[in-house]
Amino acid sequence: MIDILILSNGPGEITTWVFPVVKQLRYQLGNDSPKVRISLVLSPCPHAAGNELAIASLYPEIDRIQGAESFFPFLLWGKTADNWDWDRKGMVIFLGGDQFYTLVIAKRLGYSSLVYAEWEARWYRYLDYFAVMNEDVINKLPPPYQNKCTIVGDLMADVGEEKEANQTNFSSQNNGELIGLLPGSKAAKLTQGVPFTLAIAQYIHQKRPETKFIIPVAPTINIDILAQYAQAKENPFMEKFNGMSADLIIDNSGEEKKAFLQTTQGLKVELISEFPCYKLLKKCQICLTTVGANTAQLGSLSVPMIVLIPSYQLDAMKSWDGLPGLLANLPLLGNYLAKLINWLVVQYTIKNKKLYAWPNIWAKKEIVPELIGELKVENIGDMVLNYLENPTLLAQIKQNLTQVRGDSGAAEKISKIVMEKFIYK
């Protein structure tokens, strides 16, 4: 048995980096796949939703998974929570977290190391191989170490390349106009995001009743939890939208059970539990999404989007990195400090035109609309309607997204490095 240990951290890295790589590794191994054991160890991440294990467990290509709560004992003393055994031959692959962890763990296990370096290759004197996104990463290194690098491209561009056999049961997929709603996966975002996006969908529905809506349910929550954020009795923030509320409706009439959120005004939004649902997202004319990994995935799929950062509840957002995050989560004073921090963030963003959506960060300019502040349902709804009535505008966004992401194939190239430098060396 040969061991491949993958190090990763947050939900974005697991879905957009780990997923395509483990798929390709198993494919490249072919008949030798049973001889290779793939383990995944998660490290702490400030953006973690808490259910990263649930996401990773959906990938049958991974044999063993350890959660972030057990990471530091493994890093410091080399023991996993379940006392995993390790073969004498192995490789540690970095796909998220801190590249230093790869160095420590690889040296401890006596394994070779491979780091996927999106922007910067660190610890290049001691790590063995680097799969880098572009030539800029190589140029930052001293010449003697540049031969450790292979340009593979951007892993984000591989999102959605895998076949998804379970995406044929969506009841609205062949019924014309489709809009995706991605309100987030954490309580702070869902509290605002679910009511706000539902209110926008309701507004659009009144103008274009033929338009269908979906919410891809994040794997870190279930439909019952999501539905609570759409109910006025569970989420007081719903009252901000004229008392709108929505109930969870389960339809068992067909071959497959379907779930919907149905508003008091009659709008039905289908909840999609299959993960990942990239093929369905590709069918969307446009998506409304929060910031985070959602924007990276939609950008990689070249799906037009409007990125919403509502600030109705300035005390709700507490997941900042570093000192702001610590202050916002202090007992007693945390809510007040969160309001101040988030107010300052909004003002700074507006003044300096700071970009938060990944496609805009990649392009270094706004190629998808990114809106922050006390956003109005009618304004966002009219913006969506304008896009739907002018398909050339959506086509331009799609083209810009395709250009900024580049070609897919990074996961395949990373897998080939593993084959050539390690498996069949």
Protein backbone atom coordinates (compact mmCIF):
# COMPACT_ATOMS: atom_id res chain seq x y z
CA MET A 1 0.00 0.00 0.00
CA ILE A 2 1.32 3.42 -1.02
CA ASP A 3 0.10 6.49 0.89
CA ILE A 4 -0.90 9.84 -0.51
CA LEU A 5 -1.68 12.37 2.20
CA ILE A 6 -3.57 15.51 1.13
CA LEU A 7 -3.52 18.58 3.38
CA SER A 8 -6.36 21.07 3.02
CA ASN A 9 -8.48 23.36 5.17
CA GLY A 10 -11.62 25.33 4.23
CA PRO A 11 -14.78 24.42 2.33
CA GLY A 12 -13.67 26.37 -0.75
CA GLU A 13 -10.39 24.44 -1.03
CA ILE A 14 -12.12 21.12 -0.47
CA THR A 15 -14.68 21.69 -3.21
CA THR A 16 -12.52 23.44 -5.80
CA TRP A 17 -9.05 21.96 -5.21
CA VAL A 18 -9.35 18.59 -3.46
CA PHE A 19 -12.38 17.39 -5.43
CA PRO A 20 -10.89 17.62 -8.95
CA VAL A 21 -7.47 16.35 -7.83
CA VAL A 22 -8.71 13.18 -6.11
CA LYS A 23 -10.94 12.46 -9.10
CA GLN A 24 -8.00 12.73 -11.45
CA LEU A 25 -5.67 10.77 -9.17
CA ARG A 26 -7.99 7.78 -9.15
CA TYR A 27 -8.48 8.06 -12.90
CA GLN A 28 -4.74 8.24 -13.59
CA LEU A 29 -4.02 5.33 -11.25
CA GLY A 30 -6.45 3.09 -13.13
CA ASN A 31 -5.82 -0.56 -12.29
CA ASP A 32 -3.24 0.49 -9.68
CA SER A 33 -5.81 2.51 -7.73
CA PRO A 34 -6.39 -0.16 -5.02
CA LYS A 35 -2.66 -0.10 -4.25
CA VAL A 36 -2.80 3.59 -3.28
CA ARG A 37 -4.45 4.91 -0.13
CA ILE A 38 -5.55 8.55 -0.21
CA SER A 39 -5.89 10.28 3.17
CA LEU A 40 -7.14 13.80 3.81
CA VAL A 41 -6.11 15.80 6.88
CA LEU A 42 -7.79 19.14 7.49
CA SER A 43 -6.14 22.06 9.27
CA PRO A 44 -8.00 24.89 11.06
CA CYS A 45 -9.42 27.60 8.82
CA PRO A 46 -10.98 30.94 9.88
CA HIS A 47 -13.62 30.51 7.16
CA ALA A 48 -14.53 26.94 8.11
CA ALA A 49 -18.24 26.22 8.39
CA GLY A 50 -17.72 23.35 10.84
CA ASN A 51 -18.92 20.56 8.55
CA GLU A 52 -15.93 20.22 6.24
CA LEU A 53 -15.82 16.51 7.10
CA ALA A 54 -19.33 16.18 5.71
CA ILE A 55 -18.19 17.69 2.42
CA ALA A 56 -15.08 15.53 2.13
CA SER A 57 -16.98 12.37 3.02
CA LEU A 58 -18.97 12.77 -0.19
CA TYR A 59 -15.84 11.91 -2.19
CA PRO A 60 -15.47 8.11 -2.41
CA GLU A 61 -11.97 8.56 -3.83
CA ILE A 62 -10.71 9.44 -0.32
CA ASP A 63 -10.05 6.51 2.00
CA ARG A 64 -9.47 8.30 5.31
CA ILE A 65 -10.35 11.75 6.65
CA GLN A 66 -9.33 13.56 9.81
CA GLY A 67 -10.99 16.78 10.95
CA ALA A 68 -9.31 20.05 11.83
CA GLU A 69 -9.90 19.61 15.55
CA SER A 70 -7.25 16.87 15.62
CA PHE A 71 -4.73 18.63 13.40
CA PHE A 72 -2.22 20.09 15.83
CA PRO A 73 -1.56 16.85 17.75
CA PHE A 74 -0.82 15.30 14.35
CA LEU A 75 1.43 18.20 13.36
CA LEU A 76 3.33 18.23 16.65
CA TRP A 77 3.57 14.55 17.52
CA GLY A 78 2.66 12.73 14.32
CA LYS A 79 -0.32 10.85 15.73
CA THR A 80 -3.77 10.97 14.24
CA ALA A 81 -6.92 10.68 16.32
CA ASP A 82 -7.50 7.12 15.04
CA ASN A 83 -3.82 6.12 15.11
CA TRP A 84 -3.50 5.72 11.36
CA ASP A 85 -0.69 3.58 10.06
CA TRP A 86 1.57 4.85 7.27
CA ASP A 87 3.41 3.03 4.52
CA ARG A 88 7.14 3.63 4.21
CA LYS A 89 6.53 5.16 0.76
CA GLY A 90 4.32 8.20 0.49
CA MET A 91 3.74 11.74 -0.70
CA VAL A 92 2.22 14.78 1.02
CA ILE A 93 0.21 17.05 -1.29
CA PHE A 94 -0.66 20.59 -0.23
CA LEU A 95 -4.12 21.73 -1.36
CA GLY A 96 -4.92 24.45 1.15
CA GLY A 97 -3.82 25.78 4.52
CA ASP A 98 -0.22 26.69 5.37
CA GLN A 99 2.58 25.38 3.16
CA PHE A 100 4.77 25.07 6.28
CA TYR A 101 2.54 22.22 7.48
CA THR A 102 3.49 20.28 4.37
CA LEU A 103 7.18 20.67 5.16
CA VAL A 104 6.82 19.50 8.78
CA ILE A 105 4.57 16.54 8.06
CA ALA A 106 6.50 15.34 5.01
CA LYS A 107 9.77 15.40 6.94
CA ARG A 108 8.22 13.61 9.90
CA LEU A 109 6.79 10.83 7.74
CA GLY A 110 9.82 10.67 5.46
CA TYR A 111 7.60 11.40 2.44
CA SER A 112 8.18 13.47 -0.66
CA SER A 113 6.18 16.71 -0.94
CA LEU A 114 4.17 18.47 -3.63
CA VAL A 115 2.65 21.92 -3.16
CA TYR A 116 0.01 23.49 -5.37
CA ALA A 117 1.11 27.13 -5.36
CA GLU A 118 -1.59 29.48 -6.60
CA TRP A 119 0.25 32.75 -5.94
CA GLU A 120 3.48 32.01 -4.07
CA ALA A 121 5.77 29.01 -3.52
CA ARG A 122 7.19 29.08 0.00
CA TRP A 123 9.82 26.93 1.72
CA TYR A 124 11.24 26.17 -1.71
CA ARG A 125 14.61 25.14 -0.28
CA TYR A 126 13.08 22.21 1.57
CA LEU A 127 9.97 21.14 -0.31
CA ASP A 128 10.39 18.78 -3.27
CA TYR A 129 7.96 19.81 -6.02
CA PHE A 130 5.64 22.68 -6.85
CA ALA A 131 2.64 22.67 -9.18
CA VAL A 132 2.21 26.38 -9.88
CA MET A 133 -0.63 28.35 -11.41
CA ASN A 134 1.47 30.47 -13.76
CA GLU A 135 4.94 31.68 -14.65
CA ASP A 136 4.70 34.61 -12.23
CA VAL A 137 4.98 32.16 -9.32
CA ILE A 138 8.18 30.71 -10.78
CA ASN A 139 9.74 34.12 -11.41
CA LYS A 140 9.50 34.96 -7.71
CA LEU A 141 11.89 32.11 -6.86
CA PRO A 142 15.71 32.19 -7.01
CA PRO A 143 16.90 30.54 -10.25
CA PRO A 144 18.43 27.46 -8.54
CA TYR A 145 14.98 26.42 -7.27
CA GLN A 146 12.85 27.18 -10.30
CA ASN A 147 13.35 23.68 -11.71
CA LYS A 148 11.20 22.35 -8.86
CA CYS A 149 8.18 23.99 -10.46
CA THR A 150 5.77 22.82 -13.14
CA ILE A 151 3.11 25.15 -14.52
CA VAL A 152 -0.26 23.42 -14.31
CA GLY A 153 -2.70 26.32 -14.56
CA ASP A 154 -5.55 27.19 -12.24
CA LEU A 155 -7.34 24.45 -10.31
CA MET A 156 -10.42 26.66 -10.08
CA ALA A 157 -10.87 26.27 -13.83
CA ASP A 158 -11.40 22.53 -13.34
CA VAL A 159 -14.61 23.05 -11.41
CA GLY A 160 -17.56 21.43 -13.15
CA GLU A 161 -15.46 19.34 -15.53
CA GLU A 162 -16.52 16.11 -13.86
CA LYS A 163 -19.57 14.23 -15.12
CA GLU A 164 -22.57 14.37 -12.80
CA ALA A 165 -24.98 11.52 -13.42
CA ASN A 166 -27.41 12.59 -10.69
CA GLN A 167 -28.34 15.96 -12.14
CA THR A 168 -31.21 14.82 -14.37
CA ASN A 169 -34.04 15.02 -11.84
CA PHE A 170 -34.32 18.78 -11.46
CA SER A 171 -37.91 19.59 -12.30
CA SER A 172 -37.20 22.99 -13.88
CA GLN A 173 -34.04 22.36 -15.81
CA ASN A 174 -35.69 22.21 -19.22
CA ASN A 175 -38.24 24.93 -18.60
CA GLY A 176 -36.42 28.00 -19.84
CA GLU A 177 -35.19 30.85 -17.70
CA LEU A 178 -33.40 29.83 -14.52
CA ILE A 179 -31.87 31.89 -11.71
CA GLY A 180 -29.69 30.48 -8.94
CA LEU A 181 -29.79 31.82 -5.38
CA LEU A 182 -26.69 31.18 -3.26
CA PRO A 183 -27.30 32.79 0.15
CA GLY A 184 -24.32 31.17 1.88
CA SER A 185 -23.80 28.35 4.35
CA LYS A 186 -23.09 30.09 7.68
CA ALA A 187 -25.67 31.49 10.08
CA ALA A 188 -24.39 35.07 9.74
CA LYS A 189 -24.88 35.02 5.98
CA LEU A 190 -28.05 32.90 5.90
CA THR A 191 -29.86 35.20 8.34
CA GLN A 192 -29.66 38.01 5.81
CA GLY A 193 -29.06 36.10 2.60
CA VAL A 194 -32.11 33.81 2.58
CA PRO A 195 -34.72 36.54 3.19
CA PHE A 196 -32.98 39.00 0.88
CA THR A 197 -32.56 36.67 -2.09
CA LEU A 198 -36.09 35.29 -1.66
CA ALA A 199 -37.47 38.84 -1.66
CA ILE A 200 -35.55 39.61 -4.86
CA ALA A 201 -36.80 36.38 -6.42
CA GLN A 202 -40.36 37.29 -5.44
CA TYR A 203 -39.96 40.71 -7.08
CA ILE A 204 -38.63 39.15 -10.30
CA HIS A 205 -41.36 36.50 -10.23
CA GLN A 206 -44.03 39.20 -10.23
CA LYS A 207 -42.53 40.68 -13.40
CA ARG A 208 -41.53 37.40 -15.11
CA PRO A 209 -43.67 34.58 -13.67
CA GLU A 210 -42.16 32.04 -16.10
CA THR A 211 -38.71 32.39 -14.47
CA LYS A 212 -37.64 29.48 -12.27
CA PHE A 213 -35.40 29.66 -9.20
CA ILE A 214 -33.15 27.18 -7.42
CA ILE A 215 -31.12 27.20 -4.22
CA PRO A 216 -28.20 24.73 -4.24
CA VAL A 217 -28.10 23.65 -0.60
CA ALA A 218 -24.57 23.76 0.80
CA PRO A 219 -23.39 20.34 2.03
CA THR A 220 -22.65 21.84 5.44
CA ILE A 221 -26.38 22.34 6.13
CA ASN A 222 -29.61 20.48 5.36
CA ILE A 223 -32.89 21.65 3.87
CA ASP A 224 -34.65 21.78 7.25
CA ILE A 225 -32.05 24.17 8.66
CA LEU A 226 -32.08 26.26 5.50
CA ALA A 227 -35.88 26.49 5.63
CA GLN A 228 -35.77 27.95 9.14
CA TYR A 229 -34.04 31.05 7.81
CA ALA A 230 -37.00 31.58 5.45
CA GLN A 231 -39.62 31.45 8.20
CA ALA A 232 -40.63 34.64 10.00
CA LYS A 233 -41.12 32.83 13.30
CA GLU A 234 -37.55 31.46 13.18
CA ASN A 235 -35.78 34.40 11.54
CA PRO A 236 -37.02 37.85 12.67
CA PHE A 237 -35.05 39.42 9.83
CA MET A 238 -37.81 38.24 7.47
CA GLU A 239 -39.98 41.04 8.87
CA LYS A 240 -37.84 43.58 7.03
CA PHE A 241 -39.43 42.36 3.79
CA ASN A 242 -43.10 43.17 4.45
CA GLY A 243 -43.75 40.10 6.55
CA MET A 244 -42.77 37.69 3.81
CA SER A 245 -42.25 34.10 4.88
CA ALA A 246 -41.71 30.76 3.18
CA ASP A 247 -42.53 27.20 4.13
CA LEU A 248 -40.70 24.01 3.29
CA ILE A 249 -42.75 21.90 0.87
CA ILE A 250 -41.85 18.27 0.15
CA ASP A 251 -43.24 16.81 -3.07
CA ASN A 252 -43.32 13.01 -3.20
CA SER A 253 -45.58 12.76 -6.24
CA GLY A 254 -42.83 11.92 -8.72
CA GLU A 255 -40.12 9.29 -8.91
CA GLU A 256 -37.78 11.49 -6.91
CA LYS A 257 -38.59 13.47 -3.78
CA LYS A 258 -38.33 17.21 -4.35
CA ALA A 259 -38.10 20.06 -1.86
CA PHE A 260 -39.23 23.66 -2.30
CA LEU A 261 -39.44 26.89 -0.37
CA GLN A 262 -42.87 28.36 -1.08
CA THR A 263 -43.46 31.98 -0.12
CA THR A 264 -46.75 33.38 1.13
CA GLN A 265 -46.99 35.18 -2.23
CA GLY A 266 -46.85 31.92 -4.16
CA LEU A 267 -43.24 31.76 -5.35
CA LYS A 268 -41.69 28.26 -5.36
CA VAL A 269 -37.92 27.91 -5.16
CA GLU A 270 -36.55 24.42 -5.65
CA LEU A 271 -33.91 23.23 -3.18
CA ILE A 272 -31.14 21.18 -4.75
CA SER A 273 -29.44 18.81 -2.31
CA GLU A 274 -27.16 17.02 -4.80
CA PHE A 275 -23.56 18.07 -4.41
CA PRO A 276 -21.85 19.35 -6.40
CA CYS A 277 -24.52 20.64 -8.77
CA TYR A 278 -22.29 22.36 -11.30
CA LYS A 279 -24.30 21.22 -14.32
CA LEU A 280 -27.42 22.86 -12.93
CA LEU A 281 -25.56 26.06 -12.14
CA LYS A 282 -24.33 26.14 -15.74
CA LYS A 283 -27.97 26.24 -16.85
CA CYS A 284 -28.61 29.44 -14.87
CA GLN A 285 -28.88 32.67 -16.83
CA ILE A 286 -27.61 34.48 -13.73
CA CYS A 287 -27.01 33.83 -10.02
CA LEU A 288 -27.36 35.97 -6.92
CA THR A 289 -24.64 35.07 -4.46
CA THR A 290 -22.80 36.15 -1.34
CA VAL A 291 -19.02 36.53 -1.25
CA GLY A 292 -16.83 33.49 -0.65
CA ALA A 293 -16.13 30.21 -2.40
CA ASN A 294 -19.47 30.52 -4.26
CA THR A 295 -18.05 33.32 -6.39
CA ALA A 296 -14.98 31.25 -7.27
CA GLN A 297 -17.10 28.28 -8.32
CA LEU A 298 -19.51 30.36 -10.39
CA GLY A 299 -16.60 32.19 -11.98
CA SER A 300 -14.94 28.92 -12.87
CA LEU A 301 -18.18 27.78 -14.48
CA SER A 302 -18.45 31.12 -16.34
CA VAL A 303 -21.90 31.69 -14.83
CA PRO A 304 -22.91 35.39 -14.71
CA MET A 305 -23.56 36.57 -11.18
CA ILE A 306 -24.41 39.55 -9.03
CA VAL A 307 -22.45 39.48 -5.77
CA LEU A 308 -24.38 40.84 -2.80
CA ILE A 309 -22.87 42.08 0.46
CA PRO A 310 -25.88 43.43 2.39
CA SER A 311 -25.17 45.31 5.61
CA TYR A 312 -28.59 45.27 7.24
CA GLN A 313 -27.18 43.56 10.32
CA LEU A 314 -23.73 44.98 10.95
CA ASP A 315 -23.32 42.82 14.08
CA ALA A 316 -23.93 39.57 12.17
CA MET A 317 -20.66 39.32 10.24
CA LYS A 318 -17.97 37.99 12.61
CA SER A 319 -15.80 35.73 10.45
CA TRP A 320 -13.01 38.17 9.67
CA ASP A 321 -9.41 36.98 9.81
CA GLY A 322 -6.94 38.00 12.53
CA LEU A 323 -7.58 40.67 15.16
CA PRO A 324 -10.93 41.92 13.71
CA GLY A 325 -12.33 38.40 13.97
CA LEU A 326 -11.13 38.02 17.55
CA LEU A 327 -12.60 41.38 18.59
CA ALA A 328 -15.93 40.69 16.88
CA ASN A 329 -16.32 37.44 18.80
CA LEU A 330 -15.50 38.76 22.28
CA PRO A 331 -18.14 38.08 24.97
CA LEU A 332 -20.44 41.02 25.77
CA LEU A 333 -18.62 43.57 23.60
CA GLY A 334 -18.45 41.40 20.47
CA ASN A 335 -21.69 42.59 18.87
CA TYR A 336 -20.84 46.27 19.35
CA LEU A 337 -17.32 45.78 18.01
CA ALA A 338 -18.69 43.76 15.07
CA LYS A 339 -20.99 46.67 14.16
CA LEU A 340 -18.08 49.10 14.27
CA ILE A 341 -15.73 46.82 12.31
CA ASN A 342 -18.30 46.09 9.62
CA TRP A 343 -19.32 49.75 9.33
CA LEU A 344 -15.65 50.62 8.80
CA VAL A 345 -15.34 47.81 6.23
CA VAL A 346 -18.34 49.11 4.28
CA GLN A 347 -17.00 52.67 4.29
CA TYR A 348 -13.49 51.55 3.30
CA THR A 349 -14.85 49.33 0.53
CA ILE A 350 -16.96 52.08 -0.95
CA LYS A 351 -14.18 54.68 -0.72
CA ASN A 352 -11.39 52.49 -2.08
CA LYS A 353 -13.49 50.31 -4.39
CA LYS A 354 -12.10 47.19 -2.74
CA LEU A 355 -13.08 43.93 -4.45
CA TYR A 356 -14.24 40.83 -2.55
CA ALA A 357 -15.63 38.54 -5.27
CA TRP A 358 -13.03 36.11 -6.56
CA PRO A 359 -13.62 36.76 -10.30
CA ASN A 360 -13.05 40.47 -9.69
CA ILE A 361 -9.93 39.79 -7.64
CA TRP A 362 -8.57 37.57 -10.42
CA ALA A 363 -9.31 40.18 -13.07
CA LYS A 364 -8.16 43.07 -10.83
CA LYS A 365 -11.29 44.90 -11.88
CA GLU A 366 -15.05 44.49 -11.57
CA ILE A 367 -16.18 42.07 -14.25
CA VAL A 368 -19.23 40.95 -12.24
CA PRO A 369 -21.37 43.43 -10.28
CA GLU A 370 -20.36 43.57 -6.64
CA LEU A 371 -22.76 45.49 -4.40
CA ILE A 372 -22.31 46.40 -0.73
CA GLY A 373 -24.38 48.34 1.80
CA GLU A 374 -28.07 48.62 2.59
CA LEU A 375 -29.19 47.15 -0.71
CA LYS A 376 -32.74 47.54 -1.98
CA VAL A 377 -34.78 44.60 -3.28
CA GLU A 378 -36.26 46.64 -6.09
CA ASN A 379 -32.88 47.91 -7.28
CA ILE A 380 -31.33 44.45 -7.39
CA GLY A 381 -34.46 43.00 -8.97
CA ASP A 382 -34.47 45.64 -11.70
CA MET A 383 -30.79 44.96 -12.36
CA VAL A 384 -31.51 41.26 -12.83
CA LEU A 385 -34.47 42.03 -15.09
CA ASN A 386 -32.29 44.30 -17.20
CA TYR A 387 -29.77 41.51 -17.68
CA LEU A 388 -32.50 39.01 -18.59
CA GLU A 389 -33.95 41.41 -21.13
CA ASN A 390 -30.49 42.09 -22.62
CA PRO A 391 -28.77 38.71 -23.17
CA THR A 392 -25.76 40.40 -24.78
CA LEU A 393 -24.88 41.85 -21.36
CA LEU A 394 -24.90 38.37 -19.83
CA ALA A 395 -22.88 37.03 -22.75
CA GLN A 396 -20.22 39.67 -22.09
CA ILE A 397 -19.96 38.70 -18.42
CA LYS A 398 -19.70 35.05 -19.39
CA GLN A 399 -16.94 35.84 -21.87
CA ASN A 400 -15.02 37.89 -19.30
CA LEU A 401 -15.26 35.08 -16.77
CA THR A 402 -14.01 32.53 -19.28
CA GLN A 403 -11.04 34.71 -20.19
CA VAL A 404 -9.97 35.40 -16.62
CA ARG A 405 -10.08 31.75 -15.55
CA GLY A 406 -8.20 30.24 -18.47
CA ASP A 407 -8.19 26.62 -19.60
CA SER A 408 -8.97 23.66 -17.38
CA GLY A 409 -6.63 20.72 -16.86
CA ALA A 410 -4.67 21.63 -13.71
CA ALA A 411 -5.93 18.61 -11.77
CA GLU A 412 -4.85 16.27 -14.56
CA LYS A 413 -1.39 17.87 -14.67
CA ILE A 414 -1.01 17.64 -10.90
CA SER A 415 -1.96 13.97 -11.04
CA LYS A 416 0.61 13.35 -13.75
CA ILE A 417 3.29 14.97 -11.59
CA VAL A 418 2.35 12.53 -8.82
CA MET A 419 2.57 9.63 -11.25
CA GLU A 420 5.91 10.67 -12.74
CA LYS A 421 7.70 11.98 -9.64
CA PHE A 422 6.35 9.52 -7.11
CA ILE A 423 4.18 6.54 -8.10
CA TYR A 424 6.17 5.32 -11.09
CA LYS A 425 9.48 7.01 -10.32
